[in-house]
Protein backbone atom coordinates (compact mmCIF):
# COMPACT_ATOMS: atom_id res chain seq x y z
CA MET A 1 -3.31 -5.11 -56.61
CA THR A 2 -4.33 -6.21 -53.16
CA VAL A 3 -7.43 -8.24 -52.60
CA GLY A 4 -9.70 -7.03 -49.83
CA LEU A 5 -11.75 -9.28 -47.64
CA ARG A 6 -14.82 -7.07 -47.40
CA TRP A 7 -16.70 -9.27 -49.88
CA LEU A 8 -16.12 -12.32 -47.68
CA ILE A 9 -17.05 -10.50 -44.48
CA GLY A 10 -20.19 -9.11 -46.14
CA MET A 11 -21.18 -12.48 -47.53
CA LEU A 12 -20.75 -14.32 -44.23
CA SER A 13 -22.42 -11.70 -42.06
CA PHE A 14 -25.39 -11.12 -44.37
CA SER A 15 -25.95 -14.84 -44.85
CA ALA A 16 -25.97 -15.37 -41.08
CA LEU A 17 -28.37 -12.47 -40.57
CA GLY A 18 -30.61 -13.66 -43.41
CA ALA A 19 -30.71 -17.23 -42.13
CA THR A 20 -31.54 -16.05 -38.61
CA TRP A 21 -34.26 -13.76 -39.89
CA GLY A 22 -35.75 -16.50 -42.07
CA PHE A 23 -35.67 -19.08 -39.29
CA LEU A 24 -37.09 -16.90 -36.51
CA GLY A 25 -39.42 -14.74 -38.59
CA ASN A 26 -41.54 -17.44 -40.15
CA SER A 27 -43.59 -20.10 -38.44
CA TYR A 28 -44.27 -22.11 -41.63
CA GLU A 29 -41.31 -24.29 -42.64
CA PRO A 30 -38.60 -22.20 -40.97
CA GLY A 31 -35.78 -24.36 -42.38
CA ASP A 32 -36.71 -23.56 -45.98
CA SER A 33 -37.12 -19.90 -45.14
CA ALA A 34 -33.73 -19.83 -43.44
CA ILE A 35 -32.01 -21.38 -46.47
CA GLY A 36 -33.65 -19.06 -48.99
CA THR A 37 -33.21 -15.90 -46.97
CA GLY A 38 -29.65 -16.86 -46.10
CA LEU A 39 -28.80 -17.31 -49.79
CA MET A 40 -30.32 -13.95 -50.66
CA GLY A 41 -28.38 -12.37 -47.81
CA ALA A 42 -25.16 -13.98 -49.02
CA ALA A 43 -25.69 -12.61 -52.53
CA LEU A 44 -26.44 -9.13 -51.21
CA GLY A 45 -23.47 -9.21 -48.85
CA PHE A 46 -21.17 -10.36 -51.66
CA VAL A 47 -22.26 -7.51 -53.93
CA LEU A 48 -22.03 -4.86 -51.21
CA GLY A 49 -18.64 -6.13 -50.08
CA ALA A 50 -17.29 -6.25 -53.64
CA VAL A 51 -18.48 -2.69 -54.29
CA SER A 52 -16.89 -1.60 -51.03
CA ASP A 53 -13.61 -3.27 -52.03
CA ALA A 54 -13.71 -1.61 -55.46
CA VAL A 55 -14.37 1.83 -53.99
CA GLY A 56 -11.61 1.35 -51.43
CA TYR A 57 -9.19 0.28 -54.14
CA ALA A 58 -10.11 3.22 -56.36
CA ARG A 59 -9.63 5.68 -53.50
CA SER A 60 -6.22 4.26 -52.66
CA ARG A 61 -4.91 4.95 -56.17
């Protein structure tokens, strides 16, 4: 079984997008918003990447 890196790519890209959105989209305590939104983005990116890896693995078999 090969391990794909889509989960890592998804986690890193979604956390960066979430942190940017939280920092630039809120004028009240942007640092806290960036941390929270970045963590939510990382969780979402991890799940989407893991599902993408699982589907890719299932299709290759």
